[in-house]
Amino acid sequence: MTRRSVLQSALADLAEVPATSRWARSGEVRLHALDYGGDLPALVVLPGITSPAVTMDFVARELTDLVRPVVLDVRGRGLSDEGDGYGLEEYAEDTEALITHLGLDRPLLLGHSMGARIAAAVAVRAKVPLRGTVLADPPMSGPGRGPYPTTREVFLRQLAEARRGTDADEVAASWPTWPRREQELRARWLSSCAEEAIVATHHGFEHEDFFNWWPRVPGPAHMLYGAGSPVVTSEGVREAAQSNPPAPLHKIPGAGHMIFWDAPAIATETLRGALKTILSPPGTSPEQHVHGGGGS
């Protein structure tokens, strides 16, 4: 196991987050999540490959009038333990354990990037009942589909910078358009990610095929993708539409892969529209914000 660290300044960030820490066990792995509380239907949020739970706080805050967000520190990130494996099955088991331990009644799932792949696996496995799923820019790389567009070396360089001691200005060199607070959070929290988790997950992006899962994801399911995303290409959009026709596809203008960071207003508005559609009783016609078709 390589060194992980959670800075005191990172822990202090949690004092500013309107959520309560929750804990669950998945086998020997202790999992941490941020629970925003309330009586509304739960939304389990599954972040990306190097995104601890706190980095999606800015998304969760915009949803608390619709749902009860519960954001998971995926194993090997944030305050959750590392694990013996980092495949989709292990990640799915963790998500199921969290839902069961917290007693969440038919939650929705929202996953971004790696988290979107996890959400698809949980939905297909059907070990826990769900209200629906929203997948945000899932990696569509895999066997015979070409490499993931961000190399393993880039992830490891950024992790080395975080271990050395990075700041928001250095993060901005890689992510110049992000809101300043999100650059600061990444600078403080990236060192909490385990190198083994990043390397194994990146390997999974290129050796586990998303389309083994997506055609079997039951409805209601929605997919959001960045108009300029290198992860969800125009070819990927066409295959996604053809292989799961009932699932609406929502294009986010002005966004790349990091849709909520690149275009926060339109991405959040689109997400809210998808959630309202899933939560609406049959026969109603909620306002929808669908940007279908097209590609990157």
C-alpha atoms as a PDB file:
ATOM      1  CA  MET A   1       0.000   0.000   0.000  1.00  0.00           C
ATOM      2  CA  THR A   2       1.339   3.444  -0.873  1.00  0.00           C
ATOM      3  CA  ARG A   3       1.041   6.515   1.276  1.00  0.00           C
ATOM      4  CA  ARG A   4      -2.272   8.342   1.549  1.00  0.00           C
ATOM      5  CA  SER A   5      -2.825  11.472   3.578  1.00  0.00           C
ATOM      6  CA  VAL A   6      -5.762  13.641   4.576  1.00  0.00           C
ATOM      7  CA  LEU A   7      -4.568  17.131   5.380  1.00  0.00           C
ATOM      8  CA  GLN A   8      -5.860  18.987   8.424  1.00  0.00           C
ATOM      9  CA  SER A   9      -6.969  21.740   6.054  1.00  0.00           C
ATOM     10  CA  ALA A  10      -8.917  19.135   4.096  1.00  0.00           C
ATOM     11  CA  LEU A  11     -10.663  17.827   7.213  1.00  0.00           C
ATOM     12  CA  ALA A  12     -11.530  21.412   8.104  1.00  0.00           C
ATOM     13  CA  ASP A  13     -13.413  21.652   4.804  1.00  0.00           C
ATOM     14  CA  LEU A  14     -15.987  19.274   6.271  1.00  0.00           C
ATOM     15  CA  ALA A  15     -16.961  21.926   8.820  1.00  0.00           C
ATOM     16  CA  GLU A  16     -18.294  24.019   5.926  1.00  0.00           C
ATOM     17  CA  VAL A  17     -20.302  21.198   4.377  1.00  0.00           C
ATOM     18  CA  PRO A  18     -23.992  20.948   5.433  1.00  0.00           C
ATOM     19  CA  ALA A  19     -23.836  17.180   5.717  1.00  0.00           C
ATOM     20  CA  THR A  20     -23.266  14.515   8.372  1.00  0.00           C
ATOM     21  CA  SER A  21     -20.587  11.835   8.121  1.00  0.00           C
ATOM     22  CA  ARG A  22     -22.023   8.326   7.889  1.00  0.00           C
ATOM     23  CA  TRP A  23     -20.139   5.050   8.047  1.00  0.00           C
ATOM     24  CA  ALA A  24     -20.819   1.591   6.675  1.00  0.00           C
ATOM     25  CA  ARG A  25     -18.915  -1.657   6.194  1.00  0.00           C
ATOM     26  CA  SER A  26     -18.528  -3.599   2.983  1.00  0.00           C
ATOM     27  CA  GLY A  27     -16.762  -6.731   4.128  1.00  0.00           C
ATOM     28  CA  GLU A  28     -13.585  -5.445   5.776  1.00  0.00           C
ATOM     29  CA  VAL A  29     -13.743  -2.066   4.025  1.00  0.00           C
ATOM     30  CA  ARG A  30     -15.012   0.843   6.111  1.00  0.00           C
ATOM     31  CA  LEU A  31     -16.866   3.310   3.935  1.00  0.00           C
ATOM     32  CA  HIS A  32     -17.471   7.000   4.612  1.00  0.00           C
ATOM     33  CA  ALA A  33     -20.259   9.079   3.086  1.00  0.00           C
ATOM     34  CA  LEU A  34     -21.649  12.594   3.420  1.00  0.00           C
ATOM     35  CA  ASP A  35     -25.398  12.565   4.172  1.00  0.00           C
ATOM     36  CA  TYR A  36     -27.283  15.809   3.507  1.00  0.00           C
ATOM     37  CA  GLY A  37     -30.341  14.582   5.395  1.00  0.00           C
ATOM     38  CA  GLY A  38     -34.027  15.300   5.042  1.00  0.00           C
ATOM     39  CA  ASP A  39     -37.201  13.324   4.390  1.00  0.00           C
ATOM     40  CA  LEU A  40     -36.993  13.281   0.599  1.00  0.00           C
ATOM     41  CA  PRO A  41     -36.024  10.255  -1.517  1.00  0.00           C
ATOM     42  CA  ALA A  42     -32.344   9.432  -1.204  1.00  0.00           C
ATOM     43  CA  LEU A  43     -29.890  10.048  -4.043  1.00  0.00           C
ATOM     44  CA  VAL A  44     -26.649   8.086  -3.695  1.00  0.00           C
ATOM     45  CA  VAL A  45     -23.891  10.026  -5.454  1.00  0.00           C
ATOM     46  CA  LEU A  46     -20.868   8.124  -6.790  1.00  0.00           C
ATOM     47  CA  PRO A  47     -17.930  10.380  -7.771  1.00  0.00           C
ATOM     48  CA  GLY A  48     -15.113   9.879 -10.257  1.00  0.00           C
ATOM     49  CA  ILE A  49     -11.681   8.271 -10.158  1.00  0.00           C
ATOM     50  CA  THR A  50      -9.920  11.022  -8.157  1.00  0.00           C
ATOM     51  CA  SER A  51     -12.922  12.781  -6.612  1.00  0.00           C
ATOM     52  CA  PRO A  52     -13.531  12.258  -2.890  1.00  0.00           C
ATOM     53  CA  ALA A  53     -17.087  12.887  -1.692  1.00  0.00           C
ATOM     54  CA  VAL A  54     -16.503  16.486  -0.572  1.00  0.00           C
ATOM     55  CA  THR A  55     -15.580  17.516  -4.117  1.00  0.00           C
ATOM     56  CA  MET A  56     -19.210  16.974  -5.172  1.00  0.00           C
ATOM     57  CA  ASP A  57     -20.607  19.097  -2.363  1.00  0.00           C
ATOM     58  CA  PHE A  58     -21.359  21.926  -4.795  1.00  0.00           C
ATOM     59  CA  VAL A  59     -23.608  19.592  -6.792  1.00  0.00           C
ATOM     60  CA  ALA A  60     -25.314  18.034  -3.769  1.00  0.00           C
ATOM     61  CA  ARG A  61     -26.229  21.439  -2.303  1.00  0.00           C
ATOM     62  CA  GLU A  62     -28.250  22.271  -5.419  1.00  0.00           C
ATOM     63  CA  LEU A  63     -30.414  19.162  -5.044  1.00  0.00           C
ATOM     64  CA  THR A  64     -31.547  19.173  -1.415  1.00  0.00           C
ATOM     65  CA  ASP A  65     -35.013  20.513  -2.294  1.00  0.00           C
ATOM     66  CA  LEU A  66     -35.570  17.443  -4.517  1.00  0.00           C
ATOM     67  CA  VAL A  67     -33.661  14.605  -2.840  1.00  0.00           C
ATOM     68  CA  ARG A  68     -31.560  13.599   0.151  1.00  0.00           C
ATOM     69  CA  PRO A  69     -28.047  13.419  -1.306  1.00  0.00           C
ATOM     70  CA  VAL A  70     -25.697  10.821   0.178  1.00  0.00           C
ATOM     71  CA  VAL A  71     -22.242  11.162  -1.404  1.00  0.00           C
ATOM     72  CA  LEU A  72     -19.894   8.185  -1.093  1.00  0.00           C
ATOM     73  CA  ASP A  73     -16.150   8.299  -0.579  1.00  0.00           C
ATOM     74  CA  VAL A  74     -15.510   5.419  -2.974  1.00  0.00           C
ATOM     75  CA  ARG A  75     -13.045   2.879  -1.555  1.00  0.00           C
ATOM     76  CA  GLY A  76      -9.492   4.157  -1.683  1.00  0.00           C
ATOM     77  CA  ARG A  77     -10.596   7.799  -1.680  1.00  0.00           C
ATOM     78  CA  GLY A  78     -11.343  10.395   0.984  1.00  0.00           C
ATOM     79  CA  LEU A  79     -11.988   8.845   4.385  1.00  0.00           C
ATOM     80  CA  SER A  80     -12.921   5.356   3.118  1.00  0.00           C
ATOM     81  CA  ASP A  81     -10.560   2.420   3.469  1.00  0.00           C
ATOM     82  CA  GLU A  82      -8.575   0.903   0.652  1.00  0.00           C
ATOM     83  CA  GLY A  83      -9.612  -2.528  -0.573  1.00  0.00           C
ATOM     84  CA  ASP A  84      -8.205  -5.698  -2.083  1.00  0.00           C
ATOM     85  CA  GLY A  85      -9.853  -5.013  -5.443  1.00  0.00           C
ATOM     86  CA  TYR A  86     -11.083  -2.075  -7.503  1.00  0.00           C
ATOM     87  CA  GLY A  87     -13.251  -3.672 -10.164  1.00  0.00           C
ATOM     88  CA  LEU A  88     -16.842  -2.752 -10.928  1.00  0.00           C
ATOM     89  CA  GLU A  89     -18.144  -5.694  -8.916  1.00  0.00           C
ATOM     90  CA  GLU A  90     -16.276  -4.564  -5.766  1.00  0.00           C
ATOM     91  CA  TYR A  91     -17.420  -0.984  -6.223  1.00  0.00           C
ATOM     92  CA  ALA A  92     -20.996  -2.151  -6.753  1.00  0.00           C
ATOM     93  CA  GLU A  93     -20.882  -4.272  -3.595  1.00  0.00           C
ATOM     94  CA  ASP A  94     -19.743  -1.216  -1.621  1.00  0.00           C
ATOM     95  CA  THR A  95     -22.632   0.848  -2.958  1.00  0.00           C
ATOM     96  CA  GLU A  96     -25.110  -1.892  -2.101  1.00  0.00           C
ATOM     97  CA  ALA A  97     -23.624  -2.162   1.407  1.00  0.00           C
ATOM     98  CA  LEU A  98     -24.005   1.582   1.961  1.00  0.00           C
ATOM     99  CA  ILE A  99     -27.626   1.547   0.808  1.00  0.00           C
ATOM    100  CA  THR A 100     -28.426  -1.436   3.023  1.00  0.00           C
ATOM    101  CA  HIS A 101     -26.584  -0.143   6.101  1.00  0.00           C
ATOM    102  CA  LEU A 102     -28.218   3.293   5.958  1.00  0.00           C
ATOM    103  CA  GLY A 103     -31.633   1.766   5.253  1.00  0.00           C
ATOM    104  CA  LEU A 104     -32.161   3.862   2.133  1.00  0.00           C
ATOM    105  CA  ASP A 105     -35.554   3.092   0.598  1.00  0.00           C
ATOM    106  CA  ARG A 106     -35.329   2.695  -3.183  1.00  0.00           C
ATOM    107  CA  PRO A 107     -32.726   5.417  -3.666  1.00  0.00           C
ATOM    108  CA  LEU A 108     -31.792   7.005  -6.944  1.00  0.00           C
ATOM    109  CA  LEU A 109     -28.206   6.733  -8.153  1.00  0.00           C
ATOM    110  CA  LEU A 110     -26.109   9.494  -9.682  1.00  0.00           C
ATOM    111  CA  GLY A 111     -22.648   8.598 -10.894  1.00  0.00           C
ATOM    112  CA  HIS A 112     -20.038  10.722 -12.633  1.00  0.00           C
ATOM    113  CA  SER A 113     -17.287   9.121 -14.749  1.00  0.00           C
ATOM    114  CA  MET A 114     -16.083   6.096 -12.755  1.00  0.00           C
ATOM    115  CA  GLY A 115     -19.173   6.561 -10.603  1.00  0.00           C
ATOM    116  CA  ALA A 116     -21.399   6.327 -13.675  1.00  0.00           C
ATOM    117  CA  ARG A 117     -19.938   2.934 -14.493  1.00  0.00           C
ATOM    118  CA  ILE A 118     -20.526   1.864 -10.886  1.00  0.00           C
ATOM    119  CA  ALA A 119     -24.133   3.085 -10.999  1.00  0.00           C
ATOM    120  CA  ALA A 120     -24.750   1.056 -14.166  1.00  0.00           C
ATOM    121  CA  ALA A 121     -23.354  -2.076 -12.510  1.00  0.00           C
ATOM    122  CA  VAL A 122     -25.483  -1.592  -9.377  1.00  0.00           C
ATOM    123  CA  ALA A 123     -28.612  -1.107 -11.476  1.00  0.00           C
ATOM    124  CA  VAL A 124     -27.960  -4.233 -13.544  1.00  0.00           C
ATOM    125  CA  ARG A 125     -27.026  -6.409 -10.544  1.00  0.00           C
ATOM    126  CA  ALA A 126     -30.412  -5.524  -8.969  1.00  0.00           C
ATOM    127  CA  LYS A 127     -29.291  -6.535  -5.467  1.00  0.00           C
ATOM    128  CA  VAL A 128     -30.980  -3.429  -4.003  1.00  0.00           C
ATOM    129  CA  PRO A 129     -34.192  -1.789  -5.273  1.00  0.00           C
ATOM    130  CA  LEU A 130     -33.713   1.573  -6.987  1.00  0.00           C
ATOM    131  CA  ARG A 131     -35.969   4.384  -8.206  1.00  0.00           C
ATOM    132  CA  GLY A 132     -33.715   5.125 -11.180  1.00  0.00           C
ATOM    133  CA  THR A 133     -30.238   6.072 -12.308  1.00  0.00           C
ATOM    134  CA  VAL A 134     -28.500   9.090 -13.824  1.00  0.00           C
ATOM    135  CA  LEU A 135     -25.136   8.467 -15.477  1.00  0.00           C
ATOM    136  CA  ALA A 136     -22.917  11.502 -16.107  1.00  0.00           C
ATOM    137  CA  ASP A 137     -20.246  11.121 -18.799  1.00  0.00           C
ATOM    138  CA  PRO A 138     -19.414   7.427 -18.277  1.00  0.00           C
ATOM    139  CA  PRO A 139     -16.066   6.295 -19.728  1.00  0.00           C
ATOM    140  CA  MET A 140     -16.822   4.422 -22.943  1.00  0.00           C
ATOM    141  CA  SER A 141     -13.291   3.203 -23.521  1.00  0.00           C
ATOM    142  CA  GLY A 142     -12.643  -0.506 -23.225  1.00  0.00           C
ATOM    143  CA  PRO A 143     -11.536  -3.606 -25.099  1.00  0.00           C
ATOM    144  CA  GLY A 144     -11.486  -2.828 -28.809  1.00  0.00           C
ATOM    145  CA  ARG A 145     -12.641   0.739 -28.197  1.00  0.00           C
ATOM    146  CA  GLY A 146      -9.366   2.569 -27.749  1.00  0.00           C
ATOM    147  CA  PRO A 147      -7.652   3.929 -24.648  1.00  0.00           C
ATOM    148  CA  TYR A 148      -9.074   6.203 -22.003  1.00  0.00           C
ATOM    149  CA  PRO A 149      -8.152   9.737 -23.146  1.00  0.00           C
ATOM    150  CA  THR A 150      -6.356  10.684 -19.905  1.00  0.00           C
ATOM    151  CA  THR A 151      -3.316   8.488 -19.436  1.00  0.00           C
ATOM    152  CA  ARG A 152      -2.358   6.748 -16.231  1.00  0.00           C
ATOM    153  CA  GLU A 153       0.821   8.827 -16.171  1.00  0.00           C
ATOM    154  CA  VAL A 154      -1.160  12.071 -16.052  1.00  0.00           C
ATOM    155  CA  PHE A 155      -3.163  10.839 -13.060  1.00  0.00           C
ATOM    156  CA  LEU A 156       0.002   9.732 -11.284  1.00  0.00           C
ATOM    157  CA  ARG A 157       1.731  13.044 -11.968  1.00  0.00           C
ATOM    158  CA  GLN A 158      -1.180  14.935 -10.434  1.00  0.00           C
ATOM    159  CA  LEU A 159      -1.175  12.562  -7.447  1.00  0.00           C
ATOM    160  CA  ALA A 160       2.574  13.121  -6.975  1.00  0.00           C
ATOM    161  CA  GLU A 161       1.979  16.880  -6.996  1.00  0.00           C
ATOM    162  CA  ALA A 162      -0.690  16.467  -4.320  1.00  0.00           C
ATOM    163  CA  ARG A 163       1.586  14.334  -2.139  1.00  0.00           C
ATOM    164  CA  ARG A 164       4.363  16.866  -2.516  1.00  0.00           C
ATOM    165  CA  GLY A 165       2.001  19.676  -1.581  1.00  0.00           C
ATOM    166  CA  THR A 166       0.015  21.390  -4.317  1.00  0.00           C
ATOM    167  CA  ASP A 167      -2.242  24.436  -4.369  1.00  0.00           C
ATOM    168  CA  ALA A 168      -5.179  25.800  -6.323  1.00  0.00           C
ATOM    169  CA  ASP A 169      -2.932  27.644  -8.765  1.00  0.00           C
ATOM    170  CA  GLU A 170      -1.191  24.411  -9.766  1.00  0.00           C
ATOM    171  CA  VAL A 171      -4.534  22.643 -10.083  1.00  0.00           C
ATOM    172  CA  ALA A 172      -5.726  25.511 -12.288  1.00  0.00           C
ATOM    173  CA  ALA A 173      -2.946  24.693 -14.741  1.00  0.00           C
ATOM    174  CA  SER A 174      -4.792  21.430 -15.482  1.00  0.00           C
ATOM    175  CA  TRP A 175      -8.341  22.687 -14.863  1.00  0.00           C
ATOM    176  CA  PRO A 176      -8.312  26.428 -15.648  1.00  0.00           C
ATOM    177  CA  THR A 177     -12.071  26.914 -16.037  1.00  0.00           C
ATOM    178  CA  TRP A 178     -13.130  25.336 -12.739  1.00  0.00           C
ATOM    179  CA  PRO A 179     -14.614  27.485  -9.981  1.00  0.00           C
ATOM    180  CA  ARG A 180     -11.883  28.538  -7.544  1.00  0.00           C
ATOM    181  CA  ARG A 181     -13.409  26.656  -4.603  1.00  0.00           C
ATOM    182  CA  GLU A 182     -13.352  23.415  -6.584  1.00  0.00           C
ATOM    183  CA  GLN A 183      -9.700  23.945  -7.515  1.00  0.00           C
ATOM    184  CA  GLU A 184      -8.925  24.475  -3.822  1.00  0.00           C
ATOM    185  CA  LEU A 185     -10.801  21.339  -2.756  1.00  0.00           C
ATOM    186  CA  ARG A 186      -8.976  19.225  -5.320  1.00  0.00           C
ATOM    187  CA  ALA A 187      -5.632  20.603  -4.128  1.00  0.00           C
ATOM    188  CA  ARG A 188      -6.410  19.648  -0.532  1.00  0.00           C
ATOM    189  CA  TRP A 189      -8.122  16.277  -1.105  1.00  0.00           C
ATOM    190  CA  LEU A 190      -6.315  14.581  -3.994  1.00  0.00           C
ATOM    191  CA  SER A 191      -3.641  13.182  -1.649  1.00  0.00           C
ATOM    192  CA  SER A 192      -6.391  11.127   0.051  1.00  0.00           C
ATOM    193  CA  CYS A 193      -6.637   8.950  -3.073  1.00  0.00           C
ATOM    194  CA  ALA A 194      -4.729   5.662  -3.106  1.00  0.00           C
ATOM    195  CA  GLU A 195      -2.357   5.104  -6.005  1.00  0.00           C
ATOM    196  CA  GLU A 196      -3.495   1.473  -6.267  1.00  0.00           C
ATOM    197  CA  ALA A 197      -7.121   2.585  -6.589  1.00  0.00           C
ATOM    198  CA  ILE A 198      -6.296   5.034  -9.375  1.00  0.00           C
ATOM    199  CA  VAL A 199      -4.108   2.585 -11.309  1.00  0.00           C
ATOM    200  CA  ALA A 200      -6.585  -0.300 -11.018  1.00  0.00           C
ATOM    201  CA  THR A 201      -9.551   1.861 -11.970  1.00  0.00           C
ATOM    202  CA  HIS A 202      -7.733   3.294 -14.975  1.00  0.00           C
ATOM    203  CA  HIS A 203      -6.945  -0.283 -16.024  1.00  0.00           C
ATOM    204  CA  GLY A 204     -10.649  -1.035 -15.679  1.00  0.00           C
ATOM    205  CA  PHE A 205     -11.532   1.872 -17.964  1.00  0.00           C
ATOM    206  CA  GLU A 206      -9.595   0.080 -20.698  1.00  0.00           C
ATOM    207  CA  HIS A 207     -10.412  -3.542 -19.846  1.00  0.00           C
ATOM    208  CA  GLU A 208     -14.014  -3.464 -18.534  1.00  0.00           C
ATOM    209  CA  ASP A 209     -16.510  -2.611 -21.255  1.00  0.00           C
ATOM    210  CA  PHE A 210     -19.210  -0.123 -20.229  1.00  0.00           C
ATOM    211  CA  PHE A 211     -21.432  -1.513 -22.961  1.00  0.00           C
ATOM    212  CA  ASN A 212     -21.535  -4.872 -21.209  1.00  0.00           C
ATOM    213  CA  TRP A 213     -23.687  -3.052 -18.654  1.00  0.00           C
ATOM    214  CA  TRP A 214     -25.426  -0.113 -20.310  1.00  0.00           C
ATOM    215  CA  PRO A 215     -27.853  -2.047 -22.572  1.00  0.00           C
ATOM    216  CA  ARG A 216     -29.151  -3.871 -19.475  1.00  0.00           C
ATOM    217  CA  VAL A 217     -29.582  -0.820 -17.231  1.00  0.00           C
ATOM    218  CA  PRO A 218     -33.305  -0.792 -16.432  1.00  0.00           C
ATOM    219  CA  GLY A 219     -35.413   2.321 -16.636  1.00  0.00           C
ATOM    220  CA  PRO A 220     -35.867   4.918 -15.601  1.00  0.00           C
ATOM    221  CA  ALA A 221     -32.314   5.813 -16.590  1.00  0.00           C
ATOM    222  CA  HIS A 222     -30.821   9.010 -17.991  1.00  0.00           C
ATOM    223  CA  MET A 223     -27.387   9.843 -19.365  1.00  0.00           C
ATOM    224  CA  LEU A 224     -25.732  13.266 -19.281  1.00  0.00           C
ATOM    225  CA  TYR A 225     -22.648  13.942 -21.392  1.00  0.00           C
ATOM    226  CA  GLY A 226     -20.444  16.888 -22.231  1.00  0.00           C
ATOM    227  CA  ALA A 227     -20.755  18.325 -25.733  1.00  0.00           C
ATOM    228  CA  GLY A 228     -16.967  18.431 -25.905  1.00  0.00           C
ATOM    229  CA  SER A 229     -16.213  15.335 -23.885  1.00  0.00           C
ATOM    230  CA  PRO A 230     -13.360  13.148 -25.132  1.00  0.00           C
ATOM    231  CA  VAL A 231     -14.785  10.334 -22.985  1.00  0.00           C
ATOM    232  CA  VAL A 232     -18.253  10.184 -24.542  1.00  0.00           C
ATOM    233  CA  THR A 233     -17.564  10.584 -28.255  1.00  0.00           C
ATOM    234  CA  SER A 234     -20.134  11.053 -31.028  1.00  0.00           C
ATOM    235  CA  GLU A 235     -19.717   7.354 -31.841  1.00  0.00           C
ATOM    236  CA  GLY A 236     -20.314   6.513 -28.183  1.00  0.00           C
ATOM    237  CA  VAL A 237     -23.454   8.636 -28.108  1.00  0.00           C
ATOM    238  CA  ARG A 238     -24.845   6.781 -31.117  1.00  0.00           C
ATOM    239  CA  GLU A 239     -24.083   3.384 -29.588  1.00  0.00           C
ATOM    240  CA  ALA A 240     -25.579   4.435 -26.245  1.00  0.00           C
ATOM    241  CA  ALA A 241     -28.777   5.577 -27.944  1.00  0.00           C
ATOM    242  CA  GLN A 242     -29.074   2.418 -30.008  1.00  0.00           C
ATOM    243  CA  SER A 243     -28.264  -0.040 -27.232  1.00  0.00           C
ATOM    244  CA  ASN A 244     -30.650   1.394 -24.609  1.00  0.00           C
ATOM    245  CA  PRO A 245     -33.341   3.265 -26.582  1.00  0.00           C
ATOM    246  CA  PRO A 246     -35.676   4.143 -23.654  1.00  0.00           C
ATOM    247  CA  ALA A 247     -32.945   6.095 -21.843  1.00  0.00           C
ATOM    248  CA  PRO A 248     -32.868   9.827 -22.688  1.00  0.00           C
ATOM    249  CA  LEU A 249     -29.468  11.316 -23.523  1.00  0.00           C
ATOM    250  CA  HIS A 250     -28.807  14.910 -22.426  1.00  0.00           C
ATOM    251  CA  LYS A 251     -25.999  16.905 -24.040  1.00  0.00           C
ATOM    252  CA  ILE A 252     -24.387  19.604 -21.867  1.00  0.00           C
ATOM    253  CA  PRO A 253     -23.214  22.544 -24.010  1.00  0.00           C
ATOM    254  CA  GLY A 254     -19.882  24.080 -23.100  1.00  0.00           C
ATOM    255  CA  ALA A 255     -18.747  21.050 -21.091  1.00  0.00           C
ATOM    256  CA  GLY A 256     -16.059  18.447 -21.492  1.00  0.00           C
ATOM    257  CA  HIS A 257     -15.811  15.329 -19.359  1.00  0.00           C
ATOM    258  CA  MET A 258     -16.088  17.224 -16.050  1.00  0.00           C
ATOM    259  CA  ILE A 259     -19.561  18.454 -16.850  1.00  0.00           C
ATOM    260  CA  PHE A 260     -20.548  19.818 -13.422  1.00  0.00           C
ATOM    261  CA  TRP A 261     -17.232  21.668 -13.090  1.00  0.00           C
ATOM    262  CA  ASP A 262     -17.093  22.904 -16.694  1.00  0.00           C
ATOM    263  CA  ALA A 263     -20.694  24.107 -17.009  1.00  0.00           C
ATOM    264  CA  PRO A 264     -22.201  24.115 -13.490  1.00  0.00           C
ATOM    265  CA  ALA A 265     -25.445  25.955 -14.237  1.00  0.00           C
ATOM    266  CA  ILE A 266     -26.629  24.013 -17.286  1.00  0.00           C
ATOM    267  CA  ALA A 267     -25.341  20.668 -15.984  1.00  0.00           C
ATOM    268  CA  THR A 268     -27.169  21.105 -12.676  1.00  0.00           C
ATOM    269  CA  GLU A 269     -30.318  22.324 -14.415  1.00  0.00           C
ATOM    270  CA  THR A 270     -30.265  19.277 -16.690  1.00  0.00           C
ATOM    271  CA  LEU A 271     -29.654  16.940 -13.771  1.00  0.00           C
ATOM    272  CA  ARG A 272     -32.556  18.457 -11.860  1.00  0.00           C
ATOM    273  CA  GLY A 273     -34.792  17.929 -14.881  1.00  0.00           C
ATOM    274  CA  ALA A 274     -33.805  14.269 -15.096  1.00  0.00           C
ATOM    275  CA  LEU A 275     -34.398  13.734 -11.377  1.00  0.00           C
ATOM    276  CA  LYS A 276     -37.795  15.444 -11.542  1.00  0.00           C
ATOM    277  CA  THR A 277     -38.769  13.168 -14.425  1.00  0.00           C
ATOM    278  CA  ILE A 278     -37.801  10.056 -12.475  1.00  0.00           C
ATOM    279  CA  LEU A 279     -39.537  11.234  -9.305  1.00  0.00           C
ATOM    280  CA  SER A 280     -42.765  12.375 -10.972  1.00  0.00           C
ATOM    281  CA  PRO A 281     -45.774  10.124 -10.494  1.00  0.00           C
ATOM    282  CA  PRO A 282     -47.060   8.372 -13.630  1.00  0.00           C
ATOM    283  CA  GLY A 283     -49.302  10.546 -15.743  1.00  0.00           C
ATOM    284  CA  THR A 284     -47.709  13.850 -14.768  1.00  0.00           C
ATOM    285  CA  SER A 285     -45.664  16.035 -17.117  1.00  0.00           C
ATOM    286  CA  PRO A 286     -42.788  17.651 -15.243  1.00  0.00           C
ATOM    287  CA  GLU A 287     -40.665  20.308 -16.893  1.00  0.00           C
ATOM    288  CA  GLN A 288     -37.802  18.540 -18.653  1.00  0.00           C
ATOM    289  CA  HIS A 289     -34.437  19.887 -19.751  1.00  0.00           C
ATOM    290  CA  VAL A 290     -33.395  17.436 -22.443  1.00  0.00           C
ATOM    291  CA  HIS A 291     -30.646  18.207 -24.923  1.00  0.00           C
ATOM    292  CA  GLY A 292     -30.692  15.050 -27.001  1.00  0.00           C
ATOM    293  CA  GLY A 293     -28.743  13.862 -29.984  1.00  0.00           C
ATOM    294  CA  GLY A 294     -25.487  15.107 -31.407  1.00  0.00           C
ATOM    295  CA  GLY A 295     -22.051  14.348 -30.119  1.00  0.00           C
ATOM    296  CA  SER A 296     -18.764  15.789 -29.096  1.00  0.00           C
END
